[in-house]
């Protein structure tokens, strides 16, 4: 596993309930959720790196307000395509 160092102000540890370990966990989660949201990694891979089940990772997405669904897909267009219906031009 690769180690990445992140410089943070020492005052971060003065915030309520913050320890070096909690900040490390938060940074790992946030990074993996962001990479998933960008479509760079899969939910299964992110879950594995975090030591979670895939279901637990998908639940974690809600904490970060990230959808587990690819909302960029045009579901209606995909359904028409599968049904062999061509879109009409207006």
PDB file of N, CA and C in Angstrom:
ATOM      1  N   UNK A   1       0.843  -1.170   0.000  1.00  0.00           N
ATOM      2  CA  UNK A   1       0.000   0.000   0.000  1.00  0.00           C
ATOM      3  C   UNK A   1       0.892   1.238   0.000  1.00  0.00           C
ATOM      4  N   UNK A   2       0.474   2.266  -0.721  1.00  0.00           N
ATOM      5  CA  UNK A   2       1.213   3.514  -0.812  1.00  0.00           C
ATOM      6  C   UNK A   2       0.821   4.430   0.343  1.00  0.00           C
ATOM      7  N   UNK A   3       1.782   5.157   0.860  1.00  0.00           N
ATOM      8  CA  UNK A   3       1.524   6.124   1.920  1.00  0.00           C
ATOM      9  C   UNK A   3       1.575   7.525   1.331  1.00  0.00           C
ATOM     10  N   UNK A   4       0.553   8.322   1.644  1.00  0.00           N
ATOM     11  CA  UNK A   4       0.494   9.719   1.217  1.00  0.00           C
ATOM     12  C   UNK A   4       0.462  10.562   2.480  1.00  0.00           C
ATOM     13  N   UNK A   5       1.299  11.564   2.533  1.00  0.00           N
ATOM     14  CA  UNK A   5       1.342  12.452   3.694  1.00  0.00           C
ATOM     15  C   UNK A   5       0.519  13.698   3.407  1.00  0.00           C
ATOM     16  N   UNK A   6      -0.238  14.105   4.411  1.00  0.00           N
ATOM     17  CA  UNK A   6      -1.104  15.264   4.282  1.00  0.00           C
ATOM     18  C   UNK A   6      -0.764  16.222   5.412  1.00  0.00           C
ATOM     19  N   UNK A   7      -0.359  17.421   5.059  1.00  0.00           N
ATOM     20  CA  UNK A   7      -0.030  18.428   6.066  1.00  0.00           C
ATOM     21  C   UNK A   7      -1.293  19.186   6.457  1.00  0.00           C
ATOM     22  N   UNK A   8      -1.586  19.188   7.750  1.00  0.00           N
ATOM     23  CA  UNK A   8      -2.742  19.899   8.286  1.00  0.00           C
ATOM     24  C   UNK A   8      -2.288  20.774   9.442  1.00  0.00           C
ATOM     25  N   UNK A   9      -2.972  21.868   9.688  1.00  0.00           N
ATOM     26  CA  UNK A   9      -2.621  22.696  10.842  1.00  0.00           C
ATOM     27  C   UNK A   9      -2.807  21.895  12.139  1.00  0.00           C
ATOM     28  N   UNK A  10      -1.922  22.086  13.073  1.00  0.00           N
ATOM     29  CA  UNK A  10      -1.994  21.366  14.347  1.00  0.00           C
ATOM     30  C   UNK A  10      -3.320  21.627  15.054  1.00  0.00           C
ATOM     31  N   UNK A  11      -3.915  22.783  14.800  1.00  0.00           N
ATOM     32  CA  UNK A  11      -5.184  23.140  15.432  1.00  0.00           C
ATOM     33  C   UNK A  11      -6.329  22.191  15.059  1.00  0.00           C
ATOM     34  N   UNK A  12      -6.161  21.422  13.994  1.00  0.00           N
ATOM     35  CA  UNK A  12      -7.189  20.446  13.620  1.00  0.00           C
ATOM     36  C   UNK A  12      -7.434  19.464  14.767  1.00  0.00           C
ATOM     37  N   UNK A  13      -6.394  19.183  15.527  1.00  0.00           N
ATOM     38  CA  UNK A  13      -6.533  18.252  16.649  1.00  0.00           C
ATOM     39  C   UNK A  13      -7.258  18.884  17.830  1.00  0.00           C
ATOM     40  N   UNK A  14      -7.399  20.206  17.814  1.00  0.00           N
ATOM     41  CA  UNK A  14      -8.132  20.904  18.869  1.00  0.00           C
ATOM     42  C   UNK A  14      -9.643  20.879  18.624  1.00  0.00           C
ATOM     43  N   UNK A  15     -10.044  20.497  17.432  1.00  0.00           N
ATOM     44  CA  UNK A  15     -11.469  20.415  17.120  1.00  0.00           C
ATOM     45  C   UNK A  15     -12.097  19.251  17.888  1.00  0.00           C
ATOM     46  N   UNK A  16     -13.385  19.342  18.213  1.00  0.00           N
ATOM     47  CA  UNK A  16     -14.036  18.275  18.983  1.00  0.00           C
ATOM     48  C   UNK A  16     -13.916  16.905  18.323  1.00  0.00           C
ATOM     49  N   UNK A  17     -13.560  15.928  19.116  1.00  0.00           N
ATOM     50  CA  UNK A  17     -13.496  14.507  18.714  1.00  0.00           C
ATOM     51  C   UNK A  17     -12.510  14.218  17.584  1.00  0.00           C
ATOM     52  N   UNK A  18     -11.483  15.035  17.426  1.00  0.00           N
ATOM     53  CA  UNK A  18     -10.514  14.799  16.356  1.00  0.00           C
ATOM     54  C   UNK A  18      -9.205  14.271  16.922  1.00  0.00           C
ATOM     55  N   UNK A  19      -8.788  13.166  16.374  1.00  0.00           N
ATOM     56  CA  UNK A  19      -7.510  12.549  16.715  1.00  0.00           C
ATOM     57  C   UNK A  19      -6.767  12.323  15.400  1.00  0.00           C
ATOM     58  N   UNK A  20      -5.487  12.051  15.452  1.00  0.00           N
ATOM     59  CA  UNK A  20      -4.792  11.735  14.197  1.00  0.00           C
ATOM     60  C   UNK A  20      -5.467  10.582  13.445  1.00  0.00           C
ATOM     61  N   UNK A  21      -5.924   9.578  14.174  1.00  0.00           N
ATOM     62  CA  UNK A  21      -6.566   8.431  13.517  1.00  0.00           C
ATOM     63  C   UNK A  21      -7.914   8.808  12.901  1.00  0.00           C
ATOM     64  N   UNK A  22      -8.717   9.623  13.588  1.00  0.00           N
ATOM     65  CA  UNK A  22     -10.015  10.009  13.031  1.00  0.00           C
ATOM     66  C   UNK A  22      -9.832  10.873  11.783  1.00  0.00           C
ATOM     67  N   UNK A  23      -8.831  11.742  11.786  1.00  0.00           N
ATOM     68  CA  UNK A  23      -8.551  12.560  10.603  1.00  0.00           C
ATOM     69  C   UNK A  23      -8.033  11.706   9.451  1.00  0.00           C
ATOM     70  N   UNK A  24      -7.222  10.714   9.765  1.00  0.00           N
ATOM     71  CA  UNK A  24      -6.701   9.796   8.744  1.00  0.00           C
ATOM     72  C   UNK A  24      -7.859   9.017   8.107  1.00  0.00           C
ATOM     73  N   UNK A  25      -8.776   8.531   8.945  1.00  0.00           N
ATOM     74  CA  UNK A  25      -9.934   7.783   8.448  1.00  0.00           C
ATOM     75  C   UNK A  25     -10.813   8.671   7.578  1.00  0.00           C
ATOM     76  N   UNK A  26     -11.064   9.885   8.041  1.00  0.00           N
ATOM     77  CA  UNK A  26     -11.883  10.835   7.285  1.00  0.00           C
ATOM     78  C   UNK A  26     -11.261  11.132   5.921  1.00  0.00           C
ATOM     79  N   UNK A  27      -9.960  11.345   5.890  1.00  0.00           N
ATOM     80  CA  UNK A  27      -9.272  11.650   4.632  1.00  0.00           C
ATOM     81  C   UNK A  27      -9.355  10.467   3.662  1.00  0.00           C
ATOM     82  N   UNK A  28      -9.170   9.247   4.158  1.00  0.00           N
ATOM     83  CA  UNK A  28      -9.245   8.057   3.296  1.00  0.00           C
ATOM     84  C   UNK A  28     -10.650   7.888   2.740  1.00  0.00           C
ATOM     85  N   UNK A  29     -11.652   8.014   3.630  1.00  0.00           N
ATOM     86  CA  UNK A  29     -13.033   7.877   3.183  1.00  0.00           C
ATOM     87  C   UNK A  29     -13.377   8.922   2.128  1.00  0.00           C
ATOM     88  N   UNK A  30     -13.061  10.169   2.419  1.00  0.00           N
ATOM     89  CA  UNK A  30     -13.403  11.265   1.508  1.00  0.00           C
ATOM     90  C   UNK A  30     -12.732  11.077   0.150  1.00  0.00           C
ATOM     91  N   UNK A  31     -11.489  10.672   0.151  1.00  0.00           N
ATOM     92  CA  UNK A  31     -10.770  10.457  -1.110  1.00  0.00           C
ATOM     93  C   UNK A  31     -11.418   9.346  -1.924  1.00  0.00           C
ATOM     94  N   UNK A  32     -11.702   8.220  -1.285  1.00  0.00           N
ATOM     95  CA  UNK A  32     -12.270   7.092  -2.017  1.00  0.00           C
ATOM     96  C   UNK A  32     -13.701   7.379  -2.488  1.00  0.00           C
ATOM     97  N   UNK A  33     -14.477   8.077  -1.672  1.00  0.00           N
ATOM     98  CA  UNK A  33     -15.829   8.459  -2.099  1.00  0.00           C
ATOM     99  C   UNK A  33     -15.738   9.392  -3.306  1.00  0.00           C
ATOM    100  N   UNK A  34     -14.824  10.334  -3.273  1.00  0.00           N
ATOM    101  CA  UNK A  34     -14.670  11.280  -4.396  1.00  0.00           C
ATOM    102  C   UNK A  34     -14.240  10.558  -5.673  1.00  0.00           C
ATOM    103  N   UNK A  35     -13.287   9.644  -5.559  1.00  0.00           N
ATOM    104  CA  UNK A  35     -12.845   8.877  -6.733  1.00  0.00           C
ATOM    105  C   UNK A  35     -13.980   8.025  -7.286  1.00  0.00           C
ATOM    106  N   UNK A  36     -14.795   7.456  -6.396  1.00  0.00           N
ATOM    107  CA  UNK A  36     -15.961   6.696  -6.843  1.00  0.00           C
ATOM    108  C   UNK A  36     -16.943   7.619  -7.567  1.00  0.00           C
ATOM    109  N   UNK A  37     -17.206   8.785  -6.984  1.00  0.00           N
ATOM    110  CA  UNK A  37     -18.144   9.746  -7.557  1.00  0.00           C
ATOM    111  C   UNK A  37     -17.688  10.205  -8.940  1.00  0.00           C
ATOM    112  N   UNK A  38     -16.397  10.284  -9.148  1.00  0.00           N
ATOM    113  CA  UNK A  38     -15.849  10.690 -10.445  1.00  0.00           C
ATOM    114  C   UNK A  38     -15.802   9.529 -11.442  1.00  0.00           C
ATOM    115  N   UNK A  39     -16.150   8.332 -10.995  1.00  0.00           N
ATOM    116  CA  UNK A  39     -16.133   7.169 -11.874  1.00  0.00           C
ATOM    117  C   UNK A  39     -14.754   6.570 -12.074  1.00  0.00           C
ATOM    118  N   UNK A  40     -13.815   6.931 -11.214  1.00  0.00           N
ATOM    119  CA  UNK A  40     -12.436   6.452 -11.345  1.00  0.00           C
ATOM    120  C   UNK A  40     -12.290   5.041 -10.781  1.00  0.00           C
ATOM    121  N   UNK A  41     -13.011   4.741  -9.699  1.00  0.00           N
ATOM    122  CA  UNK A  41     -12.920   3.424  -9.061  1.00  0.00           C
ATOM    123  C   UNK A  41     -14.328   2.866  -8.839  1.00  0.00           C
ATOM    124  N   UNK A  42     -14.410   1.565  -8.610  1.00  0.00           N
ATOM    125  CA  UNK A  42     -15.695   0.920  -8.355  1.00  0.00           C
ATOM    126  C   UNK A  42     -16.005   0.929  -6.860  1.00  0.00           C
ATOM    127  N   UNK A  43     -17.268   0.727  -6.545  1.00  0.00           N
ATOM    128  CA  UNK A  43     -17.666   0.660  -5.141  1.00  0.00           C
ATOM    129  C   UNK A  43     -17.029  -0.545  -4.455  1.00  0.00           C
ATOM    130  N   UNK A  44     -16.893  -1.631  -5.171  1.00  0.00           N
ATOM    131  CA  UNK A  44     -16.274  -2.826  -4.596  1.00  0.00           C
ATOM    132  C   UNK A  44     -14.817  -2.593  -4.236  1.00  0.00           C
ATOM    133  N   UNK A  45     -14.101  -1.915  -5.118  1.00  0.00           N
ATOM    134  CA  UNK A  45     -12.692  -1.648  -4.862  1.00  0.00           C
ATOM    135  C   UNK A  45     -12.524  -0.682  -3.699  1.00  0.00           C
ATOM    136  N   UNK A  46     -13.356   0.366  -3.665  1.00  0.00           N
ATOM    137  CA  UNK A  46     -13.300   1.328  -2.571  1.00  0.00           C
ATOM    138  C   UNK A  46     -13.605   0.646  -1.245  1.00  0.00           C
ATOM    139  N   UNK A  47     -14.624  -0.215  -1.246  1.00  0.00           N
ATOM    140  CA  UNK A  47     -14.982  -0.947  -0.027  1.00  0.00           C
ATOM    141  C   UNK A  47     -13.819  -1.806   0.451  1.00  0.00           C
ATOM    142  N   UNK A  48     -13.171  -2.476  -0.467  1.00  0.00           N
ATOM    143  CA  UNK A  48     -12.038  -3.339  -0.115  1.00  0.00           C
ATOM    144  C   UNK A  48     -10.911  -2.529   0.521  1.00  0.00           C
ATOM    145  N   UNK A  49     -10.584  -1.387  -0.063  1.00  0.00           N
ATOM    146  CA  UNK A  49      -9.507  -0.547   0.470  1.00  0.00           C
ATOM    147  C   UNK A  49      -9.846  -0.061   1.878  1.00  0.00           C
ATOM    148  N   UNK A  50     -11.122   0.259   2.109  1.00  0.00           N
ATOM    149  CA  UNK A  50     -11.548   0.756   3.421  1.00  0.00           C
ATOM    150  C   UNK A  50     -11.822  -0.358   4.420  1.00  0.00           C
ATOM    151  N   UNK A  51     -11.785  -1.611   3.965  1.00  0.00           N
ATOM    152  CA  UNK A  51     -12.063  -2.725   4.858  1.00  0.00           C
ATOM    153  C   UNK A  51     -13.541  -2.845   5.200  1.00  0.00           C
ATOM    154  N   UNK A  52     -14.401  -2.441   4.246  1.00  0.00           N
ATOM    155  CA  UNK A  52     -15.842  -2.486   4.435  1.00  0.00           C
ATOM    156  C   UNK A  52     -16.459  -3.480   3.453  1.00  0.00           C
ATOM    157  N   UNK A  53     -17.698  -3.880   3.730  1.00  0.00           N
ATOM    158  CA  UNK A  53     -18.445  -4.620   2.718  1.00  0.00           C
ATOM    159  C   UNK A  53     -18.896  -3.605   1.672  1.00  0.00           C
ATOM    160  N   UNK A  54     -19.278  -4.105   0.512  1.00  0.00           N
ATOM    161  CA  UNK A  54     -19.757  -3.191  -0.532  1.00  0.00           C
ATOM    162  C   UNK A  54     -20.997  -2.450  -0.048  1.00  0.00           C
ATOM    163  N   UNK A  55     -21.891  -3.136   0.654  1.00  0.00           N
ATOM    164  CA  UNK A  55     -23.112  -2.510   1.183  1.00  0.00           C
ATOM    165  C   UNK A  55     -22.752  -1.395   2.158  1.00  0.00           C
ATOM    166  N   UNK A  56     -21.747  -1.627   3.026  1.00  0.00           N
ATOM    167  CA  UNK A  56     -21.326  -0.596   3.972  1.00  0.00           C
ATOM    168  C   UNK A  56     -20.768   0.619   3.245  1.00  0.00           C
ATOM    169  N   UNK A  57     -20.018   0.383   2.156  1.00  0.00           N
ATOM    170  CA  UNK A  57     -19.499   1.515   1.383  1.00  0.00           C
ATOM    171  C   UNK A  57     -20.637   2.280   0.735  1.00  0.00           C
ATOM    172  N   UNK A  58     -21.609   1.573   0.172  1.00  0.00           N
ATOM    173  CA  UNK A  58     -22.746   2.249  -0.453  1.00  0.00           C
ATOM    174  C   UNK A  58     -23.516   3.064   0.586  1.00  0.00           C
ATOM    175  N   UNK A  59     -23.611   2.565   1.813  1.00  0.00           N
ATOM    176  CA  UNK A  59     -24.237   3.341   2.891  1.00  0.00           C
ATOM    177  C   UNK A  59     -23.404   4.574   3.223  1.00  0.00           C
ATOM    178  N   UNK A  60     -22.081   4.429   3.194  1.00  0.00           N
ATOM    179  CA  UNK A  60     -21.178   5.543   3.475  1.00  0.00           C
ATOM    180  C   UNK A  60     -21.367   6.672   2.456  1.00  0.00           C
ATOM    181  N   UNK A  61     -21.695   6.327   1.219  1.00  0.00           N
ATOM    182  CA  UNK A  61     -21.911   7.343   0.190  1.00  0.00           C
ATOM    183  C   UNK A  61     -22.973   8.347   0.622  1.00  0.00           C
ATOM    184  N   UNK A  62     -24.003   7.865   1.302  1.00  0.00           N
ATOM    185  CA  UNK A  62     -25.061   8.749   1.777  1.00  0.00           C
ATOM    186  C   UNK A  62     -24.552   9.772   2.771  1.00  0.00           C
ATOM    187  N   UNK A  63     -23.575   9.407   3.574  1.00  0.00           N
ATOM    188  CA  UNK A  63     -22.964  10.332   4.530  1.00  0.00           C
ATOM    189  C   UNK A  63     -22.338  11.513   3.809  1.00  0.00           C
ATOM    190  N   UNK A  64     -21.795  11.248   2.634  1.00  0.00           N
ATOM    191  CA  UNK A  64     -21.145  12.282   1.831  1.00  0.00           C
ATOM    192  C   UNK A  64     -22.086  12.864   0.773  1.00  0.00           C
ATOM    193  N   UNK A  65     -23.353  12.460   0.824  1.00  0.00           N
ATOM    194  CA  UNK A  65     -24.373  12.916  -0.133  1.00  0.00           C
ATOM    195  C   UNK A  65     -23.993  12.613  -1.588  1.00  0.00           C
ATOM    196  N   UNK A  66     -23.462  11.421  -1.777  1.00  0.00           N
ATOM    197  CA  UNK A  66     -23.105  10.943  -3.107  1.00  0.00           C
ATOM    198  C   UNK A  66     -24.050   9.795  -3.444  1.00  0.00           C
ATOM    199  N   UNK A  67     -24.651   9.849  -4.616  1.00  0.00           N
ATOM    200  CA  UNK A  67     -25.572   8.801  -5.041  1.00  0.00           C
ATOM    201  C   UNK A  67     -24.804   7.541  -5.421  1.00  0.00           C
ATOM    202  N   UNK A  68     -25.393   6.405  -5.111  1.00  0.00           N
ATOM    203  CA  UNK A  68     -24.770   5.156  -5.527  1.00  0.00           C
ATOM    204  C   UNK A  68     -25.103   4.825  -6.976  1.00  0.00           C
ATOM    205  N   UNK A  69     -25.962   5.640  -7.593  1.00  0.00           N
ATOM    206  CA  UNK A  69     -26.369   5.441  -8.979  1.00  0.00           C
ATOM    207  C   UNK A  69     -25.665   6.444  -9.880  1.00  0.00           C
ATOM    208  N   UNK A  70     -25.412   6.035 -11.108  1.00  0.00           N
ATOM    209  CA  UNK A  70     -24.813   6.932 -12.098  1.00  0.00           C
ATOM    210  C   UNK A  70     -25.924   7.798 -12.666  1.00  0.00           C
ATOM    211  N   UNK A  71     -26.041   9.003 -12.138  1.00  0.00           N
ATOM    212  CA  UNK A  71     -27.138   9.873 -12.532  1.00  0.00           C
ATOM    213  C   UNK A  71     -26.904  10.560 -13.869  1.00  0.00           C
ATOM    214  N   UNK A  72     -25.749  10.332 -14.470  1.00  0.00           N
ATOM    215  CA  UNK A  72     -25.483  10.934 -15.779  1.00  0.00           C
ATOM    216  C   UNK A  72     -26.078  10.102 -16.910  1.00  0.00           C
ATOM    217  N   UNK A  73     -26.549   8.905 -16.586  1.00  0.00           N
ATOM    218  CA  UNK A  73     -27.126   8.034 -17.617  1.00  0.00           C
ATOM    219  C   UNK A  73     -28.542   8.499 -17.933  1.00  0.00           C
ATOM    220  N   UNK A  74     -28.854   8.603 -19.210  1.00  0.00           N
ATOM    221  CA  UNK A  74     -30.199   8.940 -19.653  1.00  0.00           C
ATOM    222  C   UNK A  74     -30.966   7.619 -19.748  1.00  0.00           C
ATOM    223  N   UNK A  75     -31.678   7.278 -18.672  1.00  0.00           N
ATOM    224  CA  UNK A  75     -32.364   5.993 -18.572  1.00  0.00           C
ATOM    225  C   UNK A  75     -33.409   5.840 -19.671  1.00  0.00           C
ATOM    226  N   UNK A  76     -34.158   6.902 -19.950  1.00  0.00           N
ATOM    227  CA  UNK A  76     -35.195   6.822 -20.975  1.00  0.00           C
ATOM    228  C   UNK A  76     -34.590   6.538 -22.348  1.00  0.00           C
ATOM    229  N   UNK A  77     -33.499   7.235 -22.671  1.00  0.00           N
ATOM    230  CA  UNK A  77     -32.847   7.018 -23.966  1.00  0.00           C
ATOM    231  C   UNK A  77     -32.282   5.608 -24.059  1.00  0.00           C
ATOM    232  N   UNK A  78     -31.724   5.125 -22.966  1.00  0.00           N
ATOM    233  CA  UNK A  78     -31.171   3.774 -22.960  1.00  0.00           C
ATOM    234  C   UNK A  78     -32.281   2.739 -23.147  1.00  0.00           C
ATOM    235  N   UNK A  79     -33.440   2.963 -22.522  1.00  0.00           N
ATOM    236  CA  UNK A  79     -34.573   2.050 -22.662  1.00  0.00           C
ATOM    237  C   UNK A  79     -35.085   2.052 -24.094  1.00  0.00           C
ATOM    238  N   UNK A  80     -35.179   3.251 -24.721  1.00  0.00           N
ATOM    239  CA  UNK A  80     -35.622   3.341 -26.112  1.00  0.00           C
ATOM    240  C   UNK A  80     -34.650   2.599 -27.029  1.00  0.00           C
ATOM    241  N   UNK A  81     -33.386   2.761 -26.753  1.00  0.00           N
ATOM    242  CA  UNK A  81     -32.353   2.109 -27.567  1.00  0.00           C
ATOM    243  C   UNK A  81     -32.488   0.587 -27.477  1.00  0.00           C
ATOM    244  N   UNK A  82     -32.686   0.093 -26.277  1.00  0.00           N
ATOM    245  CA  UNK A  82     -32.828  -1.357 -26.089  1.00  0.00           C
ATOM    246  C   UNK A  82     -34.104  -1.872 -26.747  1.00  0.00           C
ATOM    247  N   UNK A  83     -35.128  -1.038 -26.777  1.00  0.00           N
ATOM    248  CA  UNK A  83     -36.396  -1.442 -27.378  1.00  0.00           C
ATOM    249  C   UNK A  83     -36.401  -1.235 -28.889  1.00  0.00           C
ATOM    250  N   UNK A  84     -35.349  -0.618 -29.408  1.00  0.00           N
ATOM    251  CA  UNK A  84     -35.246  -0.375 -30.846  1.00  0.00           C
ATOM    252  C   UNK A  84     -36.059   0.810 -31.330  1.00  0.00           C
ATOM    253  N   UNK A  85     -36.397   1.704 -30.394  1.00  0.00           N
ATOM    254  CA  UNK A  85     -37.178   2.892 -30.756  1.00  0.00           C
ATOM    255  C   UNK A  85     -36.215   4.051 -30.965  1.00  0.00           C
ATOM    256  N   UNK A  86     -36.325   4.676 -32.124  1.00  0.00           N
ATOM    257  CA  UNK A  86     -35.457   5.824 -32.406  1.00  0.00           C
ATOM    258  C   UNK A  86     -36.085   7.084 -31.844  1.00  0.00           C
ATOM    259  N   UNK A  87     -35.235   7.960 -31.333  1.00  0.00           N
ATOM    260  CA  UNK A  87     -35.709   9.258 -30.850  1.00  0.00           C
ATOM    261  C   UNK A  87     -36.110  10.087 -32.044  1.00  0.00           C
ATOM    262  N   UNK A  88     -37.186  10.839 -31.897  1.00  0.00           N
ATOM    263  CA  UNK A  88     -37.640  11.707 -32.984  1.00  0.00           C
ATOM    264  C   UNK A  88     -37.103  13.112 -32.752  1.00  0.00           C
ATOM    265  N   UNK A  89     -36.744  13.766 -33.822  1.00  0.00           N
ATOM    266  CA  UNK A  89     -36.277  15.141 -33.735  1.00  0.00           C
ATOM    267  C   UNK A  89     -37.462  16.068 -33.743  1.00  0.00           C
ATOM    268  N   UNK A  90     -37.373  17.127 -32.953  1.00  0.00           N
ATOM    269  CA  UNK A  90     -38.479  18.096 -32.908  1.00  0.00           C
ATOM    270  C   UNK A  90     -38.190  19.263 -33.814  1.00  0.00           C
TER     271      UNK A  90
END
